[in-house]
Amino acid sequence: MSVSYSVIIPAFNEQEWLSETLEALQHAMRGIAMPGEIIVADNNSSDKTPEIAIQYGANVVFEPINQISRARNTGARAATGKYLIFLDADTPISPMLLKTALEILESGSCCGGGGRVAFEDGTPRFVRLGADIWNILSVRFGMAAGCFVYCLKEGYDAIGGFDEKLYASEEIWFSKRLQAWGKPRGMKFRIISDPPLITSGRKSEWFSPLQMLGMLVIFCFFPFAMRFRSLCDLWYKRPKV
């Protein structure tokens, strides 16, 4: 049986979170009539990330360079579905959100999109406020959050995937290029508002509010900094395994 959609999960040292995400994903996929596949792009992990992925029946592909955009592209190259879902390893997806995204793509009126982001219980208030602001901007300017991006494989291939010159924010530039591809074809870029995507607030445990604010200021006012991994600690630095 041919695969209709591929769920791609970039993963670097995600043994603590990956099982929950894959369990939720498998549960969501059981409610989808069309056949799908799970691809975990192991981004040079030093823990049990690839073993866990294999236990859950995922197709594991290896990307040696520790870069999110490269891991996503490596996973996409292995995908056989006509629809692509990019999901973060710390982000369990609900059955309704997966179903909604695939129905939108199946309609032929949409080239891709993202979802409204919310954080798990216990996440600090300032992080929740940041998500509220992001969600407004996401809808207004058509920008998908990196934890959940869905698109047509045709569109992904046409725009060349995620920009590997960037170590962060690649999903924003991907969103803009995909919109530009879809517009002359009468296809919209849609942010799904309901249900929201519940993702981990773990970065608020790894970084202080001042550190997070500082990195976001750099991101907003000096976007060229996203081309340097050393300036993207918010996306790459984490406690040692």
Protein backbone atom coordinates (compact mmCIF):
# COMPACT_ATOMS: atom_id res chain seq x y z
CA MET A 1 0.00 0.00 0.00
CA SER A 2 1.41 3.38 -0.99
CA VAL A 3 1.85 6.05 1.68
CA SER A 4 -0.27 9.22 1.51
CA TYR A 5 1.46 11.29 4.17
CA SER A 6 4.77 11.37 6.01
CA VAL A 7 5.34 12.71 9.52
CA ILE A 8 8.93 13.90 9.93
CA ILE A 9 10.46 14.40 13.37
CA PRO A 10 13.96 15.93 13.66
CA ALA A 11 15.52 14.63 16.87
CA PHE A 12 18.74 15.36 18.73
CA ASN A 13 19.14 13.64 22.13
CA GLU A 14 15.37 13.37 22.64
CA GLN A 15 15.15 10.14 24.64
CA GLU A 16 13.28 11.89 27.44
CA TRP A 17 10.50 13.20 25.19
CA LEU A 18 10.34 11.09 22.06
CA SER A 19 8.32 8.16 23.45
CA GLU A 20 5.42 10.38 24.48
CA THR A 21 5.43 12.15 21.13
CA LEU A 22 5.49 8.91 19.15
CA GLU A 23 2.76 7.33 21.27
CA ALA A 24 0.51 10.33 20.68
CA LEU A 25 1.34 10.33 16.98
CA GLN A 26 0.57 6.64 16.56
CA HIS A 27 -2.73 7.15 18.35
CA ALA A 28 -3.57 10.05 16.04
CA MET A 29 -2.60 8.08 12.93
CA ARG A 30 -4.90 5.20 13.85
CA GLY A 31 -7.82 7.56 13.33
CA ILE A 32 -6.74 8.52 9.80
CA ALA A 33 -8.10 6.48 6.91
CA MET A 34 -5.20 7.22 4.55
CA PRO A 35 -1.91 5.37 5.17
CA GLY A 36 1.00 7.26 6.68
CA GLU A 37 4.59 6.80 7.78
CA ILE A 38 6.79 8.13 10.58
CA ILE A 39 10.32 9.29 9.82
CA VAL A 40 12.68 10.26 12.64
CA ALA A 41 15.71 12.21 11.47
CA ASP A 42 18.36 11.39 14.05
CA ASN A 43 20.51 14.52 14.17
CA ASN A 44 23.68 12.83 15.49
CA SER A 45 22.26 11.91 18.91
CA SER A 46 24.48 10.46 21.62
CA ASP A 47 21.61 8.95 23.63
CA LYS A 48 18.95 6.32 22.85
CA THR A 49 16.91 8.50 20.49
CA PRO A 50 17.32 6.24 17.40
CA GLU A 51 16.65 3.05 19.40
CA ILE A 52 13.42 4.51 20.80
CA ALA A 53 12.31 5.57 17.33
CA ILE A 54 12.92 2.07 15.97
CA GLN A 55 10.92 0.56 18.85
CA TYR A 56 7.94 2.62 17.71
CA GLY A 57 8.27 1.47 14.12
CA ALA A 58 9.67 4.71 12.73
CA ASN A 59 11.95 4.85 9.73
CA VAL A 60 15.16 6.32 11.17
CA VAL A 61 17.44 8.35 8.91
CA PHE A 62 20.73 9.89 10.02
CA GLU A 63 21.88 13.48 9.62
CA PRO A 64 25.43 13.97 10.98
CA ILE A 65 25.45 17.79 11.00
CA ASN A 66 23.63 19.13 14.04
CA GLN A 67 21.30 21.61 12.39
CA ILE A 68 17.51 21.63 12.51
CA SER A 69 16.96 22.60 8.87
CA ARG A 70 19.30 19.86 7.67
CA ALA A 71 17.56 17.26 9.84
CA ARG A 72 14.16 18.27 8.46
CA ASN A 73 15.42 18.12 4.89
CA THR A 74 17.10 14.75 5.45
CA GLY A 75 13.80 13.38 6.77
CA ALA A 76 11.87 14.86 3.86
CA ARG A 77 14.18 13.23 1.33
CA ALA A 78 13.24 9.86 2.78
CA ALA A 79 9.51 10.66 2.72
CA THR A 80 7.25 8.89 0.24
CA GLY A 81 3.96 10.66 1.06
CA LYS A 82 2.44 13.45 -1.01
CA TYR A 83 1.73 15.36 2.20
CA LEU A 84 4.43 16.26 4.74
CA ILE A 85 3.96 16.96 8.45
CA PHE A 86 6.98 18.31 10.34
CA LEU A 87 6.68 17.77 14.09
CA ASP A 88 9.08 18.48 16.94
CA ALA A 89 10.18 15.62 19.17
CA ASP A 90 8.72 17.28 22.29
CA THR A 91 5.31 17.97 20.74
CA PRO A 92 2.56 15.32 21.00
CA ILE A 93 -0.04 15.91 18.28
CA SER A 94 -3.76 15.45 18.85
CA PRO A 95 -5.85 13.23 16.55
CA MET A 96 -8.03 16.20 15.57
CA LEU A 97 -5.09 18.41 14.59
CA LEU A 98 -3.53 15.72 12.39
CA LYS A 99 -6.90 14.97 10.81
CA THR A 100 -7.60 18.67 10.18
CA ALA A 101 -4.20 19.30 8.56
CA LEU A 102 -4.57 16.33 6.20
CA GLU A 103 -8.13 17.26 5.27
CA ILE A 104 -6.99 20.79 4.43
CA LEU A 105 -4.20 19.48 2.19
CA GLU A 106 -6.53 16.92 0.61
CA SER A 107 -8.98 19.71 -0.32
CA GLY A 108 -6.50 21.09 -2.86
CA SER A 109 -7.08 24.67 -1.70
CA CYS A 110 -4.08 24.90 0.62
CA CYS A 111 -0.33 24.54 0.06
CA GLY A 112 0.46 24.22 3.75
CA GLY A 113 0.46 25.97 7.09
CA GLY A 114 0.96 25.61 10.82
CA GLY A 115 -1.00 25.67 14.04
CA ARG A 116 -1.78 27.78 17.08
CA VAL A 117 0.79 27.04 19.77
CA ALA A 118 0.09 26.52 23.46
CA PHE A 119 2.36 25.30 26.23
CA GLU A 120 1.91 22.48 28.70
CA ASP A 121 0.64 23.16 32.23
CA GLY A 122 3.23 24.64 34.55
CA THR A 123 5.00 26.71 31.89
CA PRO A 124 5.87 30.20 33.23
CA ARG A 125 3.45 33.00 32.52
CA PHE A 126 5.92 35.03 30.45
CA VAL A 127 6.38 32.08 28.08
CA ARG A 128 2.61 31.73 27.70
CA LEU A 129 2.37 35.45 26.96
CA GLY A 130 5.05 35.05 24.31
CA ALA A 131 3.00 32.28 22.71
CA ASP A 132 -0.08 34.52 22.66
CA ILE A 133 1.87 37.24 20.86
CA TRP A 134 3.37 34.72 18.45
CA ASN A 135 -0.05 33.29 17.59
CA ILE A 136 -1.33 36.74 16.62
CA LEU A 137 1.69 37.36 14.39
CA SER A 138 1.52 33.82 13.00
CA VAL A 139 -2.01 34.31 11.68
CA ARG A 140 -1.45 37.91 10.59
CA PHE A 141 1.70 37.22 8.55
CA GLY A 142 1.27 33.54 7.70
CA MET A 143 4.15 32.03 9.67
CA ALA A 144 4.20 28.47 10.95
CA ALA A 145 5.89 27.66 14.25
CA GLY A 146 8.67 25.13 13.82
CA CYS A 147 7.08 22.60 16.17
CA PHE A 148 4.34 21.92 13.58
CA VAL A 149 4.47 22.59 9.84
CA TYR A 150 2.34 20.85 7.23
CA CYS A 151 2.64 21.15 3.46
CA LEU A 152 2.32 19.55 0.05
CA LYS A 153 5.40 17.55 -0.91
CA GLU A 154 5.11 19.17 -4.34
CA GLY A 155 5.41 22.62 -2.79
CA TYR A 156 8.23 21.57 -0.51
CA ASP A 157 10.23 20.24 -3.47
CA ALA A 158 9.49 23.29 -5.61
CA ILE A 159 10.91 25.76 -3.06
CA GLY A 160 13.87 23.59 -2.11
CA GLY A 161 12.85 22.71 1.43
CA PHE A 162 14.25 24.47 4.49
CA ASP A 163 17.14 26.90 4.12
CA GLU A 164 20.31 25.17 5.35
CA LYS A 165 22.11 28.48 5.69
CA LEU A 166 19.97 29.11 8.79
CA TYR A 167 20.36 27.56 12.22
CA ALA A 168 17.04 28.97 13.45
CA SER A 169 13.91 30.65 12.06
CA GLU A 170 14.07 28.44 8.95
CA GLU A 171 10.36 27.66 9.33
CA ILE A 172 9.47 31.35 8.94
CA TRP A 173 11.34 31.74 5.65
CA PHE A 174 9.98 28.37 4.54
CA SER A 175 6.45 29.65 5.25
CA LYS A 176 6.98 32.79 3.19
CA ARG A 177 8.44 30.91 0.21
CA LEU A 178 5.67 28.32 0.33
CA GLN A 179 3.04 31.07 0.35
CA ALA A 180 4.68 32.65 -2.69
CA TRP A 181 4.58 29.27 -4.46
CA GLY A 182 0.96 28.61 -3.56
CA LYS A 183 -0.51 32.05 -4.34
CA PRO A 184 -0.45 31.88 -8.17
CA ARG A 185 -1.92 28.38 -7.90
CA GLY A 186 -4.87 29.63 -5.87
CA MET A 187 -3.66 27.87 -2.70
CA LYS A 188 -3.71 29.46 0.74
CA PHE A 189 -1.31 29.09 3.65
CA ARG A 190 -3.45 28.32 6.69
CA ILE A 191 -2.75 28.46 10.42
CA ILE A 192 -5.08 26.03 12.21
CA SER A 193 -6.47 27.73 15.31
CA ASP A 194 -8.38 24.84 16.81
CA PRO A 195 -7.30 22.53 18.27
CA PRO A 196 -4.07 24.16 19.45
CA LEU A 197 -0.76 22.35 19.46
CA ILE A 198 0.44 21.65 23.00
CA THR A 199 4.21 21.75 23.10
CA SER A 200 6.86 21.57 25.80
CA GLY A 201 7.94 24.63 27.76
CA ARG A 202 11.26 23.00 28.64
CA LYS A 203 13.36 25.89 27.36
CA SER A 204 12.05 28.01 30.23
CA GLU A 205 13.85 25.55 32.54
CA TRP A 206 17.09 25.69 30.56
CA PHE A 207 17.30 29.48 30.11
CA SER A 208 16.49 32.48 32.28
CA PRO A 209 13.83 34.98 31.11
CA LEU A 210 16.61 37.49 30.41
CA GLN A 211 18.54 35.00 28.26
CA MET A 212 15.44 34.11 26.28
CA LEU A 213 14.50 37.75 25.77
CA GLY A 214 18.04 38.60 24.67
CA MET A 215 18.12 35.86 22.04
CA LEU A 216 14.70 36.84 20.72
CA VAL A 217 15.79 40.48 20.43
CA ILE A 218 18.80 39.35 18.39
CA PHE A 219 16.44 37.26 16.24
CA CYS A 220 14.07 40.20 15.61
CA PHE A 221 16.60 42.97 14.98
CA PHE A 222 19.59 41.06 13.64
CA PRO A 223 18.10 38.17 11.63
CA PHE A 224 21.48 37.57 9.95
CA ALA A 225 22.60 36.14 13.31
CA MET A 226 20.49 33.07 12.57
CA ARG A 227 23.22 31.99 10.14
CA PHE A 228 25.61 31.36 13.05
CA ARG A 229 25.08 28.36 15.29
CA SER A 230 27.04 30.01 18.12
CA LEU A 231 24.37 32.72 18.33
CA CYS A 232 21.46 30.28 18.44
CA ASP A 233 21.80 28.77 21.91
CA LEU A 234 18.04 28.91 22.43
CA TRP A 235 17.66 26.24 19.76
CA TYR A 236 20.81 24.16 20.32
CA LYS A 237 22.15 24.45 23.85
CA ARG A 238 20.69 22.02 26.38
CA PRO A 239 21.67 20.12 29.52
CA LYS A 240 24.18 17.34 28.89
CA VAL A 241 22.77 13.87 28.42
